[in-house]
Amino acid sequence: MPQRVICHNCSYVLYEGVDFISPDEIIQQYDCTCPKCDRKLSFLPLNIEVKPVNK
């Protein structure tokens, strides 16, 4: 199942792919900061949305 992790502030796509990577790993890849808007990325899931992918 595809996974997409986006910045809540600016909607920058931090990760998109079929391999599951934990949000903690993705956030660490960006040094806990969104590369587009410089907002601090949180390790605590505050808002998670699971949506079907439109084909």
PDB file of N, CA and C in Angstrom:
ATOM      1  N   MET A   1       0.848  -1.169   0.000  1.00  0.00           N
ATOM      2  CA  MET A   1       0.000   0.000   0.000  1.00  0.00           C
ATOM      3  C   MET A   1       0.900   1.241   0.000  1.00  0.00           C
ATOM      4  N   PRO A   2       0.644   2.197  -0.892  1.00  0.00           N
ATOM      5  CA  PRO A   2       1.456   3.416  -0.942  1.00  0.00           C
ATOM      6  C   PRO A   2       1.322   4.242   0.333  1.00  0.00           C
ATOM      7  N   GLN A   3       2.374   4.946   0.642  1.00  0.00           N
ATOM      8  CA  GLN A   3       2.412   5.805   1.830  1.00  0.00           C
ATOM      9  C   GLN A   3       2.857   7.198   1.388  1.00  0.00           C
ATOM     10  N   ARG A   4       2.215   8.219   1.951  1.00  0.00           N
ATOM     11  CA  ARG A   4       2.615   9.601   1.696  1.00  0.00           C
ATOM     12  C   ARG A   4       2.649  10.326   3.025  1.00  0.00           C
ATOM     13  N   VAL A   5       3.771  10.980   3.286  1.00  0.00           N
ATOM     14  CA  VAL A   5       3.925  11.772   4.503  1.00  0.00           C
ATOM     15  C   VAL A   5       4.138  13.208   4.053  1.00  0.00           C
ATOM     16  N   ILE A   6       3.287  14.113   4.555  1.00  0.00           N
ATOM     17  CA  ILE A   6       3.371  15.513   4.134  1.00  0.00           C
ATOM     18  C   ILE A   6       3.502  16.428   5.341  1.00  0.00           C
ATOM     19  N   CYS A   7       4.055  17.603   5.100  1.00  0.00           N
ATOM     20  CA  CYS A   7       4.138  18.637   6.127  1.00  0.00           C
ATOM     21  C   CYS A   7       2.741  19.206   6.336  1.00  0.00           C
ATOM     22  N   HIS A   8       2.321  19.263   7.577  1.00  0.00           N
ATOM     23  CA  HIS A   8       0.991  19.789   7.900  1.00  0.00           C
ATOM     24  C   HIS A   8       0.888  21.281   7.584  1.00  0.00           C
ATOM     25  N   ASN A   9       1.981  21.982   7.668  1.00  0.00           N
ATOM     26  CA  ASN A   9       1.970  23.430   7.472  1.00  0.00           C
ATOM     27  C   ASN A   9       1.892  23.836   5.992  1.00  0.00           C
ATOM     28  N   CYS A  10       2.737  23.229   5.141  1.00  0.00           N
ATOM     29  CA  CYS A  10       2.832  23.689   3.743  1.00  0.00           C
ATOM     30  C   CYS A  10       2.495  22.611   2.711  1.00  0.00           C
ATOM     31  N   SER A  11       2.179  21.405   3.165  1.00  0.00           N
ATOM     32  CA  SER A  11       1.818  20.272   2.304  1.00  0.00           C
ATOM     33  C   SER A  11       2.972  19.743   1.452  1.00  0.00           C
ATOM     34  N   TYR A  12       4.202  20.056   1.835  1.00  0.00           N
ATOM     35  CA  TYR A  12       5.363  19.509   1.139  1.00  0.00           C
ATOM     36  C   TYR A  12       5.389  17.996   1.342  1.00  0.00           C
ATOM     37  N   VAL A  13       5.616  17.236   0.278  1.00  0.00           N
ATOM     38  CA  VAL A  13       5.663  15.783   0.370  1.00  0.00           C
ATOM     39  C   VAL A  13       7.041  15.370   0.883  1.00  0.00           C
ATOM     40  N   LEU A  14       7.069  14.893   2.111  1.00  0.00           N
ATOM     41  CA  LEU A  14       8.316  14.458   2.731  1.00  0.00           C
ATOM     42  C   LEU A  14       8.699  13.057   2.284  1.00  0.00           C
ATOM     43  N   TYR A  15       7.707  12.225   2.031  1.00  0.00           N
ATOM     44  CA  TYR A  15       7.956  10.863   1.546  1.00  0.00           C
ATOM     45  C   TYR A  15       6.736  10.369   0.806  1.00  0.00           C
ATOM     46  N   GLU A  16       6.982   9.651  -0.306  1.00  0.00           N
ATOM     47  CA  GLU A  16       5.910   8.992  -1.037  1.00  0.00           C
ATOM     48  C   GLU A  16       6.498   7.737  -1.652  1.00  0.00           C
ATOM     49  N   GLY A  17       5.916   6.598  -1.345  1.00  0.00           N
ATOM     50  CA  GLY A  17       6.420   5.355  -1.890  1.00  0.00           C
ATOM     51  C   GLY A  17       5.633   4.167  -1.398  1.00  0.00           C
ATOM     52  N   VAL A  18       5.975   2.988  -1.936  1.00  0.00           N
ATOM     53  CA  VAL A  18       5.256   1.773  -1.568  1.00  0.00           C
ATOM     54  C   VAL A  18       5.874   1.091  -0.354  1.00  0.00           C
ATOM     55  N   ASP A  19       7.130   1.386  -0.048  1.00  0.00           N
ATOM     56  CA  ASP A  19       7.774   0.807   1.130  1.00  0.00           C
ATOM     57  C   ASP A  19       7.363   1.590   2.363  1.00  0.00           C
ATOM     58  N   PHE A  20       6.971   0.851   3.416  1.00  0.00           N
ATOM     59  CA  PHE A  20       6.600   1.529   4.649  1.00  0.00           C
ATOM     60  C   PHE A  20       7.854   1.981   5.385  1.00  0.00           C
ATOM     61  N   ILE A  21       7.923   3.263   5.677  1.00  0.00           N
ATOM     62  CA  ILE A  21       8.994   3.843   6.483  1.00  0.00           C
ATOM     63  C   ILE A  21       8.313   4.563   7.635  1.00  0.00           C
ATOM     64  N   SER A  22       8.801   4.362   8.839  1.00  0.00           N
ATOM     65  CA  SER A  22       8.151   4.990   9.993  1.00  0.00           C
ATOM     66  C   SER A  22       8.290   6.508   9.904  1.00  0.00           C
ATOM     67  N   PRO A  23       7.285   7.234  10.379  1.00  0.00           N
ATOM     68  CA  PRO A  23       7.366   8.689  10.371  1.00  0.00           C
ATOM     69  C   PRO A  23       8.593   9.222  11.105  1.00  0.00           C
ATOM     70  N   ASP A  24       9.011   8.538  12.168  1.00  0.00           N
ATOM     71  CA  ASP A  24      10.212   8.964  12.897  1.00  0.00           C
ATOM     72  C   ASP A  24      11.441   8.964  11.987  1.00  0.00           C
ATOM     73  N   GLU A  25      11.592   7.918  11.172  1.00  0.00           N
ATOM     74  CA  GLU A  25      12.735   7.835  10.256  1.00  0.00           C
ATOM     75  C   GLU A  25      12.687   8.944   9.212  1.00  0.00           C
ATOM     76  N   ILE A  26      11.506   9.214   8.707  1.00  0.00           N
ATOM     77  CA  ILE A  26      11.350  10.259   7.688  1.00  0.00           C
ATOM     78  C   ILE A  26      11.694  11.620   8.275  1.00  0.00           C
ATOM     79  N   ILE A  27      11.200  11.901   9.471  1.00  0.00           N
ATOM     80  CA  ILE A  27      11.474  13.174  10.132  1.00  0.00           C
ATOM     81  C   ILE A  27      12.968  13.332  10.400  1.00  0.00           C
ATOM     82  N   GLN A  28      13.624  12.265  10.824  1.00  0.00           N
ATOM     83  CA  GLN A  28      15.064  12.323  11.086  1.00  0.00           C
ATOM     84  C   GLN A  28      15.858  12.606   9.814  1.00  0.00           C
ATOM     85  N   GLN A  29      15.390  12.122   8.665  1.00  0.00           N
ATOM     86  CA  GLN A  29      16.072  12.388   7.398  1.00  0.00           C
ATOM     87  C   GLN A  29      16.125  13.887   7.091  1.00  0.00           C
ATOM     88  N   TYR A  30      15.156  14.624   7.594  1.00  0.00           N
ATOM     89  CA  TYR A  30      15.079  16.064   7.360  1.00  0.00           C
ATOM     90  C   TYR A  30      15.535  16.877   8.572  1.00  0.00           C
ATOM     91  N   ASP A  31      16.231  16.253   9.505  1.00  0.00           N
ATOM     92  CA  ASP A  31      16.706  16.921  10.726  1.00  0.00           C
ATOM     93  C   ASP A  31      15.587  17.639  11.463  1.00  0.00           C
ATOM     94  N   CYS A  32      14.413  17.030  11.488  1.00  0.00           N
ATOM     95  CA  CYS A  32      13.237  17.520  12.223  1.00  0.00           C
ATOM     96  C   CYS A  32      12.708  18.866  11.740  1.00  0.00           C
ATOM     97  N   THR A  33      13.043  19.250  10.507  1.00  0.00           N
ATOM     98  CA  THR A  33      12.596  20.533   9.957  1.00  0.00           C
ATOM     99  C   THR A  33      12.139  20.349   8.517  1.00  0.00           C
ATOM    100  N   CYS A  34      10.991  20.908   8.176  1.00  0.00           N
ATOM    101  CA  CYS A  34      10.508  20.839   6.799  1.00  0.00           C
ATOM    102  C   CYS A  34      11.457  21.636   5.904  1.00  0.00           C
ATOM    103  N   PRO A  35      11.925  21.037   4.795  1.00  0.00           N
ATOM    104  CA  PRO A  35      12.858  21.746   3.928  1.00  0.00           C
ATOM    105  C   PRO A  35      12.217  22.903   3.148  1.00  0.00           C
ATOM    106  N   LYS A  36      10.902  22.921   3.069  1.00  0.00           N
ATOM    107  CA  LYS A  36      10.229  23.990   2.319  1.00  0.00           C
ATOM    108  C   LYS A  36       9.876  25.188   3.196  1.00  0.00           C
ATOM    109  N   CYS A  37       9.265  24.940   4.367  1.00  0.00           N
ATOM    110  CA  CYS A  37       8.760  26.060   5.181  1.00  0.00           C
ATOM    111  C   CYS A  37       9.516  26.241   6.504  1.00  0.00           C
ATOM    112  N   ASP A  38      10.494  25.389   6.789  1.00  0.00           N
ATOM    113  CA  ASP A  38      11.306  25.448   8.009  1.00  0.00           C
ATOM    114  C   ASP A  38      10.519  25.213   9.299  1.00  0.00           C
ATOM    115  N   ARG A  39       9.339  24.663   9.212  1.00  0.00           N
ATOM    116  CA  ARG A  39       8.574  24.349  10.419  1.00  0.00           C
ATOM    117  C   ARG A  39       9.154  23.102  11.079  1.00  0.00           C
ATOM    118  N   LYS A  40       9.157  23.089  12.402  1.00  0.00           N
ATOM    119  CA  LYS A  40       9.654  21.929  13.142  1.00  0.00           C
ATOM    120  C   LYS A  40       8.693  20.768  12.931  1.00  0.00           C
ATOM    121  N   LEU A  41       9.233  19.616  12.558  1.00  0.00           N
ATOM    122  CA  LEU A  41       8.429  18.419  12.362  1.00  0.00           C
ATOM    123  C   LEU A  41       8.351  17.660  13.678  1.00  0.00           C
ATOM    124  N   SER A  42       7.178  17.173  14.014  1.00  0.00           N
ATOM    125  CA  SER A  42       6.936  16.532  15.294  1.00  0.00           C
ATOM    126  C   SER A  42       7.068  15.022  15.197  1.00  0.00           C
ATOM    127  N   PHE A  43       7.610  14.412  16.251  1.00  0.00           N
ATOM    128  CA  PHE A  43       7.665  12.956  16.345  1.00  0.00           C
ATOM    129  C   PHE A  43       6.343  12.388  16.844  1.00  0.00           C
ATOM    130  N   LEU A  44       5.516  13.229  17.459  1.00  0.00           N
ATOM    131  CA  LEU A  44       4.237  12.776  17.981  1.00  0.00           C
ATOM    132  C   LEU A  44       3.168  12.932  16.908  1.00  0.00           C
ATOM    133  N   PRO A  45       2.483  11.855  16.571  1.00  0.00           N
ATOM    134  CA  PRO A  45       1.425  11.976  15.555  1.00  0.00           C
ATOM    135  C   PRO A  45       0.227  12.748  16.114  1.00  0.00           C
ATOM    136  N   LEU A  46       0.036  13.953  15.625  1.00  0.00           N
ATOM    137  CA  LEU A  46      -1.076  14.779  16.088  1.00  0.00           C
ATOM    138  C   LEU A  46      -2.295  14.619  15.190  1.00  0.00           C
ATOM    139  N   ASN A  47      -2.056  14.327  13.929  1.00  0.00           N
ATOM    140  CA  ASN A  47      -3.152  14.213  12.979  1.00  0.00           C
ATOM    141  C   ASN A  47      -2.738  13.217  11.903  1.00  0.00           C
ATOM    142  N   ILE A  48      -3.410  12.087  11.854  1.00  0.00           N
ATOM    143  CA  ILE A  48      -3.132  11.076  10.843  1.00  0.00           C
ATOM    144  C   ILE A  48      -4.388  10.863  10.034  1.00  0.00           C
ATOM    145  N   GLU A  49      -4.246  10.904   8.721  1.00  0.00           N
ATOM    146  CA  GLU A  49      -5.368  10.642   7.829  1.00  0.00           C
ATOM    147  C   GLU A  49      -5.025   9.430   6.959  1.00  0.00           C
ATOM    148  N   VAL A  50      -5.947   8.517   6.858  1.00  0.00           N
ATOM    149  CA  VAL A  50      -5.786   7.366   5.976  1.00  0.00           C
ATOM    150  C   VAL A  50      -6.858   7.506   4.908  1.00  0.00           C
ATOM    151  N   LYS A  51      -6.408   7.621   3.658  1.00  0.00           N
ATOM    152  CA  LYS A  51      -7.338   7.842   2.549  1.00  0.00           C
ATOM    153  C   LYS A  51      -7.041   6.841   1.444  1.00  0.00           C
ATOM    154  N   PRO A  52      -8.064   6.411   0.716  1.00  0.00           N
ATOM    155  CA  PRO A  52      -7.810   5.545  -0.430  1.00  0.00           C
ATOM    156  C   PRO A  52      -7.176   6.361  -1.563  1.00  0.00           C
ATOM    157  N   VAL A  53      -6.367   5.685  -2.345  1.00  0.00           N
ATOM    158  CA  VAL A  53      -5.721   6.338  -3.477  1.00  0.00           C
ATOM    159  C   VAL A  53      -6.665   6.262  -4.678  1.00  0.00           C
ATOM    160  N   ASN A  54      -6.918   7.389  -5.316  1.00  0.00           N
ATOM    161  CA  ASN A  54      -7.747   7.415  -6.520  1.00  0.00           C
ATOM    162  C   ASN A  54      -6.944   6.902  -7.699  1.00  0.00           C
ATOM    163  N   LYS A  55      -7.534   6.020  -8.466  1.00  0.00           N
ATOM    164  CA  LYS A  55      -6.839   5.472  -9.638  1.00  0.00           C
ATOM    165  C   LYS A  55      -7.290   6.134 -10.887  1.00  0.00           C
TER     166      LYS A  55
END
